Protein backbone atom coordinates (compact mmCIF):
# COMPACT_ATOMS: atom_id res chain seq x y z
CA GLU A 1 -0.25 -0.09 -0.05
CA HIS A 2 2.65 2.54 0.85
CA ILE A 3 4.65 1.54 -2.43
CA ARG A 4 1.01 2.54 -4.27
CA GLU A 5 0.74 5.84 -2.33
CA MET A 6 4.38 6.82 -3.70
CA THR A 7 3.79 5.75 -7.37
CA LEU A 8 0.49 7.84 -7.13
CA ASP A 9 2.72 10.57 -5.69
CA ILE A 10 5.52 10.48 -8.31
CA LYS A 11 2.51 10.40 -10.98
CA ASN A 12 0.78 13.53 -9.65
CA ILE A 13 4.38 15.25 -9.50
CA ILE A 14 4.44 14.58 -13.20
CA ASN A 15 1.46 15.84 -13.93
CA LYS A 16 1.72 18.63 -12.17
CA LYS A 17 5.11 19.82 -13.64
CA LYS A 18 3.22 18.75 -17.53
CA ILE A 19 0.82 20.95 -16.89
CA MET A 20 3.32 23.75 -15.41
CA ILE A 21 4.90 23.61 -18.56
CA ALA A 22 2.13 23.75 -20.95
CA GLU A 23 0.76 26.96 -19.52
CA ASN A 24 4.04 28.19 -19.18
CA ILE A 25 4.81 27.64 -23.17
CA ALA A 26 0.90 29.07 -24.06
CA LYS A 27 2.19 32.03 -22.00
CA ILE A 28 5.19 32.91 -24.45
CA LEU A 29 2.76 32.17 -27.69
CA ILE A 30 0.43 34.62 -26.22
CA GLU A 31 2.94 37.59 -25.16
CA SER A 32 5.21 36.89 -28.29
CA ASP A 33 1.97 37.22 -30.17
CA ALA A 34 2.87 33.98 -32.23
CA VAL A 35 -0.41 32.89 -31.57
CA ARG A 36 -3.75 35.60 -31.90
CA LEU A 37 -7.11 35.09 -30.92
CA SER A 38 -9.65 36.96 -32.80
CA PRO A 39 -13.36 35.25 -32.46
CA GLN A 40 -14.99 38.38 -33.62
CA ASP A 41 -12.85 39.43 -36.72
CA PRO A 42 -11.77 36.16 -37.80
CA PHE A 43 -8.42 35.37 -39.91
CA ALA A 44 -8.80 34.20 -43.70
CA TYR A 45 -6.89 31.03 -44.35
CA THR A 46 -4.82 29.83 -47.58
CA SER A 47 -7.87 26.86 -47.19
CA GLY A 48 -10.64 29.58 -48.31
CA LEU A 49 -11.67 29.03 -44.33
CA LYS A 50 -12.14 31.53 -41.96
CA GLY A 51 -11.19 31.00 -37.96
CA PRO A 52 -10.70 32.54 -34.97
CA ILE A 53 -6.92 31.56 -34.53
CA TYR A 54 -3.82 32.76 -36.36
CA THR A 55 -0.73 30.94 -35.11
CA ASP A 56 2.86 31.92 -36.48
CA ASN A 57 5.74 30.43 -34.40
CA ARG A 58 8.33 31.49 -36.47
CA LEU A 59 8.18 34.52 -34.47
CA LEU A 60 9.71 32.82 -31.31
CA ILE A 61 12.60 32.08 -32.78
CA SER A 62 13.48 35.73 -31.92
CA PHE A 63 13.48 35.79 -28.51
CA VAL A 64 16.39 34.59 -27.01
CA GLU A 65 14.90 33.32 -23.39
CA GLU A 66 11.41 32.10 -24.65
CA ARG A 67 13.44 30.13 -27.54
CA LYS A 68 15.54 28.60 -24.64
CA LYS A 69 12.49 27.62 -22.63
CA ILE A 70 11.09 25.58 -25.21
CA VAL A 71 13.92 24.26 -26.45
CA ASP A 72 14.73 22.78 -22.48
CA ALA A 73 11.16 21.81 -22.56
CA PHE A 74 11.69 19.37 -25.48
CA VAL A 75 15.32 18.28 -24.35
CA ASP A 76 13.34 17.22 -20.90
CA LEU A 77 10.74 15.31 -22.69
CA VAL A 78 13.39 13.21 -24.46
CA LYS A 79 15.12 12.32 -21.23
CA GLU A 80 12.09 11.78 -18.99
CA ARG A 81 10.22 9.35 -21.65
CA GLY A 82 13.53 7.52 -22.14
CA LEU A 83 13.14 8.35 -26.09
CA LYS A 84 16.87 7.47 -27.74
CA PRO A 85 16.47 8.98 -31.18
CA GLU A 86 19.65 8.43 -33.53
CA CYS A 87 18.39 11.69 -35.54
CA ILE A 88 16.55 14.85 -35.34
CA ALA A 89 14.24 15.76 -38.64
CA GLY A 90 12.13 19.14 -38.90
CA THR A 91 9.37 19.91 -40.85
CA ALA A 92 10.18 22.22 -43.69
CA THR A 93 10.09 25.26 -43.38
CA ALA A 94 8.75 26.26 -39.84
CA GLY A 95 10.25 23.01 -38.19
CA ILE A 96 13.60 23.11 -39.48
CA PRO A 97 15.09 25.64 -36.59
CA TRP A 98 13.61 23.96 -33.36
CA ALA A 99 15.01 20.53 -35.27
CA ALA A 100 18.67 22.20 -35.13
CA PHE A 101 18.44 23.69 -31.79
CA MET A 102 17.48 20.24 -30.11
CA ALA A 103 20.32 18.21 -32.68
CA GLU A 104 22.82 20.42 -30.86
CA ARG A 105 21.68 20.25 -28.03
CA LEU A 106 21.23 16.65 -27.87
CA GLY A 107 24.35 16.41 -30.28
CA LEU A 108 22.52 14.50 -32.76
CA PRO A 109 22.60 14.48 -36.29
CA MET A 110 19.89 16.53 -38.10
CA VAL A 111 17.92 16.44 -41.36
CA TYR A 112 15.12 18.56 -42.60
CA VAL A 113 11.98 17.24 -44.80
CA ARG A 114 10.89 19.07 -47.97
CA SER A 115 7.16 19.26 -48.38
CA LYS A 116 7.25 17.61 -51.29
CA PRO A 117 10.92 16.52 -53.41
CA LYS A 118 12.67 18.97 -55.45
CA GLY A 119 12.25 19.02 -59.29
CA HIS A 120 15.19 18.69 -60.25
CA GLY A 121 18.74 17.41 -59.66
CA ALA A 122 18.86 14.19 -57.42
CA GLY A 123 14.64 14.78 -56.86
CA LYS A 124 15.28 14.61 -52.90
CA GLN A 125 12.88 15.04 -49.94
CA ILE A 126 15.11 14.85 -47.49
CA GLU A 127 17.94 17.23 -46.83
CA GLY A 128 21.46 16.10 -45.10
CA LYS A 129 22.53 12.82 -44.60
CA LEU A 130 20.15 10.31 -43.38
CA PRO A 131 21.64 6.59 -43.18
CA GLU A 132 19.12 3.55 -43.47
CA GLY A 133 17.57 1.97 -40.22
CA LYS A 134 18.34 5.33 -38.01
CA SER A 135 15.67 6.20 -35.56
CA VAL A 136 14.15 10.02 -36.14
CA LEU A 137 12.27 11.91 -34.04
CA ILE A 138 10.23 14.97 -35.90
CA VAL A 139 10.04 18.11 -34.84
CA GLU A 140 7.36 20.47 -35.97
CA ASP A 141 6.11 23.90 -35.03
CA LEU A 142 2.62 23.21 -35.41
CA VAL A 143 0.46 20.92 -35.67
CA THR A 144 -3.35 21.71 -37.20
CA THR A 145 -4.55 19.01 -39.95
CA GLY A 146 -1.48 17.00 -39.11
CA GLY A 147 -0.82 17.11 -43.15
CA SER A 148 2.82 18.45 -42.96
CA ALA A 149 4.03 16.01 -40.24
CA ILE A 150 2.72 13.34 -41.49
CA ASN A 151 4.13 13.87 -44.93
CA SER A 152 7.41 14.03 -43.05
CA VAL A 153 6.44 10.53 -41.67
CA LYS A 154 6.29 9.34 -45.07
CA ALA A 155 9.41 10.56 -46.17
CA ILE A 156 11.74 9.36 -43.48
CA ARG A 157 9.90 6.05 -43.41
CA GLU A 158 9.97 5.75 -47.44
CA GLU A 159 12.35 7.71 -49.07
CA GLY A 160 15.06 7.96 -45.98
CA LYS A 161 14.49 4.26 -44.82
CA GLY A 162 13.99 5.35 -41.19
CA ILE A 163 12.25 4.53 -38.20
CA VAL A 164 9.76 7.36 -36.87
CA HIS A 165 7.61 6.34 -33.65
CA GLU A 166 6.31 9.75 -32.38
CA VAL A 167 6.72 14.14 -33.68
CA PHE A 168 6.99 16.64 -31.54
CA ALA A 169 5.49 19.75 -31.50
CA ILE A 170 5.43 23.13 -29.85
CA PHE A 171 1.71 23.44 -29.98
CA SER A 172 -1.55 21.52 -31.33
CA TYR A 173 -4.73 22.01 -31.92
CA GLY A 174 -6.13 19.39 -30.95
CA LEU A 175 -8.15 18.80 -34.01
CA GLU A 176 -10.15 15.57 -34.93
CA LYS A 177 -8.70 15.25 -37.94
CA ALA A 178 -5.28 15.30 -36.96
CA GLU A 179 -6.02 12.66 -34.31
CA ASN A 180 -7.16 10.62 -36.84
CA ALA A 181 -4.31 11.14 -39.12
CA PHE A 182 -1.60 10.33 -36.52
CA ARG A 183 -3.30 7.08 -35.64
CA GLU A 184 -3.73 5.67 -39.35
CA SER A 185 0.07 6.13 -39.67
CA SER A 186 0.88 4.57 -36.29
CA THR A 187 2.72 8.02 -35.35
CA ALA A 188 2.39 9.39 -31.63
CA ARG A 189 2.39 13.27 -31.25
CA THR A 190 3.42 15.01 -28.05
CA SER A 191 3.17 18.71 -27.70
CA LEU A 192 4.02 20.94 -25.08
CA THR A 193 1.45 23.02 -25.09
CA ASN A 194 -2.12 22.88 -27.27
CA LEU A 195 -5.60 24.83 -27.78
CA ASP A 196 -7.39 23.93 -24.13
CA VAL A 197 -4.39 25.18 -21.96
CA LEU A 198 -4.00 28.09 -24.40
CA LEU A 199 -7.14 29.46 -23.78
CA ASP A 200 -7.63 28.93 -20.09
CA VAL A 201 -4.76 31.01 -20.03
CA ALA A 202 -5.83 33.72 -22.18
CA LEU A 203 -9.06 33.37 -20.05
CA ALA A 204 -7.06 33.58 -16.94
CA SER A 205 -4.82 36.45 -18.08
CA GLY A 206 -8.13 38.30 -19.20
CA LYS A 207 -7.26 38.13 -22.84
CA ILE A 208 -10.59 36.70 -23.79
CA SER A 209 -13.96 36.16 -22.83
CA THR A 210 -15.87 33.16 -21.80
CA ASP A 211 -18.08 33.81 -25.00
CA ASP A 212 -14.64 34.19 -26.67
CA LYS A 213 -13.21 30.91 -25.59
CA ALA A 214 -16.68 29.09 -26.18
CA LYS A 215 -16.52 30.66 -29.88
CA VAL A 216 -12.83 28.96 -30.38
CA MET A 217 -13.63 25.77 -28.54
CA LYS A 218 -16.49 25.55 -31.15
CA PHE A 219 -14.06 26.15 -34.08
CA LYS A 220 -12.05 23.07 -32.74
CA THR A 221 -14.84 20.86 -33.11
CA ASP A 222 -16.31 22.13 -36.04
CA PRO A 223 -13.46 24.01 -38.38
CA VAL A 224 -15.66 24.47 -41.48
CA GLY A 225 -19.00 24.52 -40.41
CA TRP A 226 -17.38 27.48 -37.60
CA MET A 227 -18.89 30.25 -39.81
CA ASN A 228 -22.43 29.22 -39.86
């Protein structure tokens, strides 16, 4: 019984730490304007849809302390999970700097994955040297539908003949389409923070109202029908 109580205490400590990290990363995203929320005046997306949230995590590479905290969180996650990647891969283009930061910190080789193979030369989709059979951890800045991450997973497995079990991301919207895509590709996805946490942080800091939060959550549930 004593051992069981100790195990539960350890789990609670780990869960509290995860929540604290997720909240801290969410604060960074909000305060740096990497994530903007505007339910009243929605953003137009390249898909033709409109939505109440816009994310540009490329901004984060310009913030030195915040950048370090994000890389720290990624590296800690690798160690806590006992992962043993032999190479770090970044998705082009926004995942590339984060893969570079992580690879440098972990002392590992790095590659990056183009959205599609080059139309000239050797026609490669993977840039860098990736020997066959290596365990690869893919790093993405944002997961929306999961399309770019899954595209990278396929390229590593097929062109690179590498082994991919997981994708790390800074932020995830948590859309059902993405969750289904990762399940279908037999790939785990871990994000430092997600939309639910970010909305709670934004609400607590007065950045949005309760009504605004509900509108954004409706978008998460039904992105296509959100404007109707």
